[in-house]
Amino acid sequence: QVQLVESGGGLVQAGGSLRLSCSASTIRFNLYTMGWYRQATGKQRELVALISADGSRTYADSVKGRFTISRDSVKKLVSLQMSSLKPEDTAVYYCHSRNRWNDAVTWGQGTQVSVSS
């Protein structure tokens, strides 16, 4: 079972940038589609971005053009570069993995991102 550890959250002013990172404890990193989800207070968890093993990316409409997801297979790391942040981006951000062989899903513990206006 893969374990995911996020880092990089914090407080930033609107228009600022943050970079989130997620380290995966697996020797078979390329078996996993990796992603970021977020959950704001009182709202459902929603997809932010996904990146497959071949590098294909999917973004929520609300973050297109502002956020970039990337992965490093050597470091077993997935990152989310967030720019032009808005107060509505405030949420707990969760790293997510899905094993493409057995569809097993793992969540990280979450990291808080707060954007002040």
N, C-alpha and C. Protein backbone atom coordinates (compact mmCIF):
# COMPACT_ATOMS: atom_id res chain seq x y z
N GLN A 1 0.84 -1.19 0.00
CA GLN A 1 0.00 0.00 0.00
C GLN A 1 0.88 1.24 0.00
N VAL A 2 0.65 2.10 -0.97
CA VAL A 2 1.44 3.32 -1.07
C VAL A 2 1.03 4.30 0.03
N GLN A 3 1.97 5.06 0.51
CA GLN A 3 1.68 6.14 1.45
C GLN A 3 2.06 7.46 0.81
N LEU A 4 1.26 8.48 1.10
CA LEU A 4 1.45 9.79 0.49
C LEU A 4 1.63 10.83 1.58
N VAL A 5 2.62 11.69 1.41
CA VAL A 5 2.89 12.74 2.39
C VAL A 5 2.98 14.07 1.65
N GLU A 6 2.07 14.99 1.99
CA GLU A 6 2.05 16.30 1.35
C GLU A 6 2.88 17.31 2.13
N SER A 7 3.30 18.33 1.42
CA SER A 7 3.96 19.47 2.06
C SER A 7 3.76 20.69 1.19
N GLY A 8 3.96 21.87 1.79
CA GLY A 8 3.97 23.09 0.99
C GLY A 8 2.77 24.00 1.15
N GLY A 9 1.80 23.62 1.95
CA GLY A 9 0.65 24.51 2.14
C GLY A 9 1.03 25.73 2.95
N GLY A 10 0.06 26.64 3.08
CA GLY A 10 0.32 27.83 3.88
C GLY A 10 -0.65 28.94 3.56
N LEU A 11 -0.30 30.12 4.03
CA LEU A 11 -1.13 31.32 3.83
C LEU A 11 -0.46 32.23 2.83
N VAL A 12 -1.24 32.70 1.87
CA VAL A 12 -0.70 33.57 0.83
C VAL A 12 -1.76 34.61 0.47
N GLN A 13 -1.32 35.76 0.00
CA GLN A 13 -2.26 36.79 -0.44
C GLN A 13 -2.77 36.47 -1.84
N ALA A 14 -3.94 36.97 -2.13
CA ALA A 14 -4.51 36.79 -3.47
C ALA A 14 -3.52 37.29 -4.51
N GLY A 15 -3.40 36.51 -5.58
CA GLY A 15 -2.44 36.82 -6.64
C GLY A 15 -1.09 36.17 -6.45
N GLY A 16 -0.88 35.59 -5.28
CA GLY A 16 0.39 34.95 -4.98
C GLY A 16 0.47 33.53 -5.50
N SER A 17 1.57 32.88 -5.13
CA SER A 17 1.84 31.52 -5.61
C SER A 17 2.24 30.61 -4.45
N LEU A 18 1.94 29.35 -4.63
CA LEU A 18 2.37 28.30 -3.70
C LEU A 18 2.67 27.05 -4.50
N ARG A 19 3.54 26.23 -3.95
CA ARG A 19 3.84 24.95 -4.58
C ARG A 19 3.62 23.84 -3.56
N LEU A 20 2.77 22.91 -3.93
CA LEU A 20 2.52 21.75 -3.09
C LEU A 20 3.30 20.56 -3.64
N SER A 21 3.79 19.73 -2.73
CA SER A 21 4.50 18.52 -3.13
C SER A 21 3.92 17.32 -2.39
N CYS A 22 4.02 16.18 -3.04
CA CYS A 22 3.52 14.95 -2.45
C CYS A 22 4.52 13.85 -2.75
N SER A 23 5.02 13.25 -1.69
CA SER A 23 6.00 12.18 -1.82
C SER A 23 5.29 10.83 -1.66
N ALA A 24 5.58 9.91 -2.58
CA ALA A 24 4.93 8.60 -2.58
C ALA A 24 5.92 7.52 -2.17
N SER A 25 5.52 6.68 -1.24
CA SER A 25 6.39 5.61 -0.76
C SER A 25 6.11 4.32 -1.51
N THR A 26 6.52 4.29 -2.75
CA THR A 26 6.34 3.10 -3.56
C THR A 26 7.50 2.99 -4.54
N ILE A 27 7.89 1.75 -4.83
CA ILE A 27 8.95 1.59 -5.82
C ILE A 27 8.38 1.48 -7.22
N ARG A 28 7.05 1.44 -7.31
CA ARG A 28 6.38 1.32 -8.61
C ARG A 28 5.55 2.56 -8.90
N PHE A 29 6.19 3.69 -8.83
CA PHE A 29 5.50 4.98 -8.98
C PHE A 29 4.77 5.06 -10.30
N ASN A 30 5.32 4.46 -11.34
CA ASN A 30 4.71 4.56 -12.67
C ASN A 30 3.45 3.71 -12.83
N LEU A 31 3.08 2.96 -11.78
CA LEU A 31 1.81 2.24 -11.82
C LEU A 31 0.64 3.17 -11.45
N TYR A 32 0.98 4.37 -10.94
CA TYR A 32 -0.05 5.19 -10.32
C TYR A 32 -0.37 6.45 -11.13
N THR A 33 -1.67 6.68 -11.27
CA THR A 33 -2.14 8.00 -11.66
C THR A 33 -2.17 8.84 -10.40
N MET A 34 -1.59 10.01 -10.46
CA MET A 34 -1.48 10.88 -9.29
C MET A 34 -2.36 12.10 -9.47
N GLY A 35 -2.78 12.66 -8.36
CA GLY A 35 -3.64 13.84 -8.49
C GLY A 35 -3.73 14.65 -7.22
N TRP A 36 -4.37 15.78 -7.35
CA TRP A 36 -4.67 16.66 -6.24
C TRP A 36 -6.17 16.94 -6.22
N TYR A 37 -6.74 16.84 -5.04
CA TYR A 37 -8.12 17.22 -4.79
C TYR A 37 -8.11 18.29 -3.70
N ARG A 38 -9.23 18.96 -3.56
CA ARG A 38 -9.33 19.93 -2.48
C ARG A 38 -10.74 19.91 -1.89
N GLN A 39 -10.79 20.34 -0.64
CA GLN A 39 -12.08 20.40 0.05
C GLN A 39 -12.13 21.67 0.88
N ALA A 40 -13.02 22.56 0.48
CA ALA A 40 -13.24 23.78 1.24
C ALA A 40 -14.26 23.50 2.35
N THR A 41 -14.24 24.32 3.36
CA THR A 41 -15.14 24.14 4.50
C THR A 41 -16.59 24.15 4.02
N GLY A 42 -17.32 23.11 4.39
CA GLY A 42 -18.72 23.03 4.05
C GLY A 42 -19.01 22.58 2.62
N LYS A 43 -17.97 22.21 1.90
CA LYS A 43 -18.16 21.79 0.50
C LYS A 43 -17.62 20.38 0.31
N GLN A 44 -18.02 19.78 -0.81
CA GLN A 44 -17.54 18.45 -1.15
C GLN A 44 -16.12 18.51 -1.69
N ARG A 45 -15.42 17.41 -1.53
CA ARG A 45 -14.08 17.32 -2.10
C ARG A 45 -14.20 17.32 -3.61
N GLU A 46 -13.30 18.05 -4.26
CA GLU A 46 -13.37 18.18 -5.72
C GLU A 46 -11.99 17.97 -6.34
N LEU A 47 -12.02 17.51 -7.58
CA LEU A 47 -10.78 17.31 -8.32
C LEU A 47 -10.15 18.66 -8.67
N VAL A 48 -8.84 18.73 -8.49
CA VAL A 48 -8.09 19.90 -8.94
C VAL A 48 -7.30 19.56 -10.21
N ALA A 49 -6.50 18.49 -10.14
CA ALA A 49 -5.68 18.11 -11.29
C ALA A 49 -5.26 16.66 -11.15
N LEU A 50 -5.08 16.02 -12.31
CA LEU A 50 -4.59 14.65 -12.39
C LEU A 50 -3.44 14.58 -13.37
N ILE A 51 -2.52 13.64 -13.12
CA ILE A 51 -1.47 13.37 -14.09
C ILE A 51 -1.24 11.87 -14.13
N SER A 52 -1.30 11.31 -15.32
CA SER A 52 -1.12 9.88 -15.48
C SER A 52 0.36 9.56 -15.58
N ALA A 53 0.64 8.26 -15.63
CA ALA A 53 2.03 7.82 -15.71
C ALA A 53 2.70 8.30 -17.00
N ASP A 54 1.91 8.45 -18.05
CA ASP A 54 2.50 8.91 -19.33
C ASP A 54 2.54 10.43 -19.44
N GLY A 55 2.13 11.11 -18.37
CA GLY A 55 2.22 12.56 -18.35
C GLY A 55 0.97 13.30 -18.80
N SER A 56 -0.08 12.58 -19.16
CA SER A 56 -1.32 13.24 -19.54
C SER A 56 -1.91 13.96 -18.34
N ARG A 57 -2.38 15.18 -18.56
CA ARG A 57 -2.88 16.02 -17.47
C ARG A 57 -4.36 16.38 -17.65
N THR A 58 -5.05 16.46 -16.54
CA THR A 58 -6.43 16.91 -16.51
C THR A 58 -6.56 17.96 -15.42
N TYR A 59 -7.26 19.04 -15.74
CA TYR A 59 -7.44 20.12 -14.77
C TYR A 59 -8.92 20.46 -14.61
N ALA A 60 -9.28 20.85 -13.41
CA ALA A 60 -10.59 21.44 -13.21
C ALA A 60 -10.64 22.78 -13.95
N ASP A 61 -11.80 23.12 -14.47
CA ASP A 61 -11.93 24.38 -15.22
C ASP A 61 -11.52 25.58 -14.36
N SER A 62 -11.79 25.50 -13.08
CA SER A 62 -11.54 26.63 -12.19
C SER A 62 -10.06 26.93 -11.99
N VAL A 63 -9.18 25.99 -12.35
CA VAL A 63 -7.75 26.21 -12.12
C VAL A 63 -6.94 26.21 -13.42
N LYS A 64 -7.57 25.94 -14.54
CA LYS A 64 -6.85 25.92 -15.81
C LYS A 64 -6.16 27.24 -16.06
N GLY A 65 -4.91 27.14 -16.48
CA GLY A 65 -4.14 28.34 -16.77
C GLY A 65 -3.47 28.95 -15.55
N ARG A 66 -3.83 28.46 -14.36
CA ARG A 66 -3.23 28.99 -13.12
C ARG A 66 -2.42 27.94 -12.38
N PHE A 67 -2.86 26.69 -12.45
CA PHE A 67 -2.19 25.60 -11.73
C PHE A 67 -1.52 24.67 -12.73
N THR A 68 -0.39 24.09 -12.32
CA THR A 68 0.32 23.11 -13.15
C THR A 68 0.69 21.92 -12.29
N ILE A 69 0.30 20.74 -12.75
CA ILE A 69 0.67 19.51 -12.05
C ILE A 69 1.84 18.86 -12.79
N SER A 70 2.74 18.28 -12.01
CA SER A 70 3.90 17.61 -12.60
C SER A 70 4.28 16.43 -11.73
N ARG A 71 5.06 15.53 -12.31
CA ARG A 71 5.52 14.38 -11.55
C ARG A 71 6.98 14.09 -11.87
N ASP A 72 7.67 13.56 -10.89
CA ASP A 72 9.08 13.19 -11.03
C ASP A 72 9.19 11.72 -10.64
N SER A 73 9.40 10.87 -11.64
CA SER A 73 9.41 9.43 -11.39
C SER A 73 10.65 8.98 -10.62
N VAL A 74 11.72 9.72 -10.71
CA VAL A 74 12.94 9.36 -9.98
C VAL A 74 12.76 9.66 -8.50
N LYS A 75 12.23 10.84 -8.20
CA LYS A 75 12.02 11.23 -6.81
C LYS A 75 10.71 10.71 -6.25
N LYS A 76 9.86 10.16 -7.12
CA LYS A 76 8.53 9.67 -6.71
C LYS A 76 7.75 10.80 -6.06
N LEU A 77 7.66 11.87 -6.80
CA LEU A 77 7.09 13.11 -6.29
C LEU A 77 6.07 13.63 -7.29
N VAL A 78 4.96 14.15 -6.77
CA VAL A 78 4.02 14.87 -7.62
C VAL A 78 3.84 16.26 -7.02
N SER A 79 3.85 17.26 -7.88
CA SER A 79 3.80 18.64 -7.41
C SER A 79 2.64 19.39 -8.06
N LEU A 80 2.21 20.40 -7.35
CA LEU A 80 1.16 21.27 -7.88
C LEU A 80 1.63 22.70 -7.71
N GLN A 81 1.97 23.34 -8.81
CA GLN A 81 2.37 24.75 -8.79
C GLN A 81 1.11 25.59 -8.97
N MET A 82 0.84 26.42 -7.99
CA MET A 82 -0.38 27.23 -8.00
C MET A 82 0.00 28.69 -8.10
N SER A 83 -0.53 29.36 -9.10
CA SER A 83 -0.24 30.77 -9.33
C SER A 83 -1.56 31.55 -9.41
N SER A 84 -1.45 32.85 -9.32
CA SER A 84 -2.63 33.72 -9.39
C SER A 84 -3.72 33.22 -8.46
N LEU A 85 -3.33 32.91 -7.25
CA LEU A 85 -4.28 32.32 -6.30
C LEU A 85 -5.39 33.29 -5.94
N LYS A 86 -6.56 32.72 -5.72
CA LYS A 86 -7.76 33.47 -5.38
C LYS A 86 -8.27 33.01 -4.02
N PRO A 87 -9.01 33.86 -3.33
CA PRO A 87 -9.59 33.42 -2.04
C PRO A 87 -10.40 32.14 -2.16
N GLU A 88 -11.05 31.95 -3.30
CA GLU A 88 -11.85 30.73 -3.48
C GLU A 88 -11.02 29.47 -3.66
N ASP A 89 -9.70 29.62 -3.74
CA ASP A 89 -8.81 28.46 -3.76
C ASP A 89 -8.52 27.95 -2.35
N THR A 90 -8.98 28.69 -1.35
CA THR A 90 -8.76 28.27 0.03
C THR A 90 -9.44 26.93 0.30
N ALA A 91 -8.65 25.97 0.78
CA ALA A 91 -9.16 24.62 1.01
C ALA A 91 -8.05 23.77 1.61
N VAL A 92 -8.43 22.58 2.04
CA VAL A 92 -7.43 21.56 2.35
C VAL A 92 -7.18 20.80 1.05
N TYR A 93 -5.93 20.70 0.69
CA TYR A 93 -5.54 20.03 -0.55
C TYR A 93 -5.01 18.64 -0.22
N TYR A 94 -5.53 17.66 -0.94
CA TYR A 94 -5.19 16.26 -0.70
C TYR A 94 -4.49 15.66 -1.92
N CYS A 95 -3.40 15.00 -1.65
CA CYS A 95 -2.74 14.21 -2.69
C CYS A 95 -3.50 12.90 -2.84
N HIS A 96 -3.55 12.40 -4.04
CA HIS A 96 -4.36 11.21 -4.36
C HIS A 96 -3.58 10.33 -5.32
N SER A 97 -3.67 9.03 -5.12
CA SER A 97 -3.08 8.10 -6.07
C SER A 97 -4.07 7.00 -6.40
N ARG A 98 -4.00 6.52 -7.63
CA ARG A 98 -4.82 5.38 -8.04
C ARG A 98 -3.94 4.39 -8.77
N ASN A 99 -3.94 3.17 -8.30
CA ASN A 99 -3.17 2.10 -8.95
C ASN A 99 -3.91 1.68 -10.21
N ARG A 100 -3.27 1.80 -11.34
CA ARG A 100 -3.97 1.53 -12.61
C ARG A 100 -4.13 0.04 -12.88
N TRP A 101 -3.56 -0.83 -12.06
CA TRP A 101 -3.77 -2.26 -12.20
C TRP A 101 -5.00 -2.71 -11.43
N ASN A 102 -5.13 -2.25 -10.17
CA ASN A 102 -6.24 -2.74 -9.34
C ASN A 102 -7.18 -1.64 -8.84
N ASP A 103 -6.97 -0.41 -9.32
CA ASP A 103 -7.82 0.74 -8.96
C ASP A 103 -7.77 1.09 -7.48
N ALA A 104 -6.81 0.58 -6.75
CA ALA A 104 -6.67 0.94 -5.33
C ALA A 104 -6.36 2.43 -5.21
N VAL A 105 -7.05 3.09 -4.30
CA VAL A 105 -6.92 4.53 -4.12
C VAL A 105 -6.33 4.83 -2.75
N THR A 106 -5.43 5.79 -2.72
CA THR A 106 -4.82 6.25 -1.47
C THR A 106 -4.90 7.77 -1.40
N TRP A 107 -5.15 8.28 -0.18
CA TRP A 107 -5.19 9.71 0.05
C TRP A 107 -4.08 10.11 1.02
N GLY A 108 -3.54 11.29 0.80
CA GLY A 108 -2.63 11.86 1.78
C GLY A 108 -3.42 12.47 2.92
N GLN A 109 -2.70 13.03 3.89
CA GLN A 109 -3.36 13.56 5.08
C GLN A 109 -3.93 14.95 4.87
N GLY A 110 -3.54 15.60 3.81
CA GLY A 110 -4.06 16.94 3.48
C GLY A 110 -3.15 18.04 3.98
N THR A 111 -3.14 19.14 3.25
CA THR A 111 -2.39 20.32 3.64
C THR A 111 -3.25 21.56 3.38
N GLN A 112 -3.26 22.46 4.33
CA GLN A 112 -4.12 23.63 4.24
C GLN A 112 -3.51 24.70 3.36
N VAL A 113 -4.32 25.22 2.45
CA VAL A 113 -3.96 26.38 1.64
C VAL A 113 -4.99 27.47 1.93
N SER A 114 -4.51 28.62 2.37
CA SER A 114 -5.40 29.73 2.68
C SER A 114 -4.96 30.95 1.87
N VAL A 115 -5.91 31.54 1.16
CA VAL A 115 -5.63 32.70 0.32
C VAL A 115 -6.43 33.88 0.85
N SER A 116 -5.73 34.91 1.27
CA SER A 116 -6.40 36.10 1.81
C SER A 116 -6.64 37.13 0.72
N SER A 117 -7.72 37.87 0.87
CA SER A 117 -8.05 38.87 -0.14
C SER A 117 -7.41 40.21 0.16
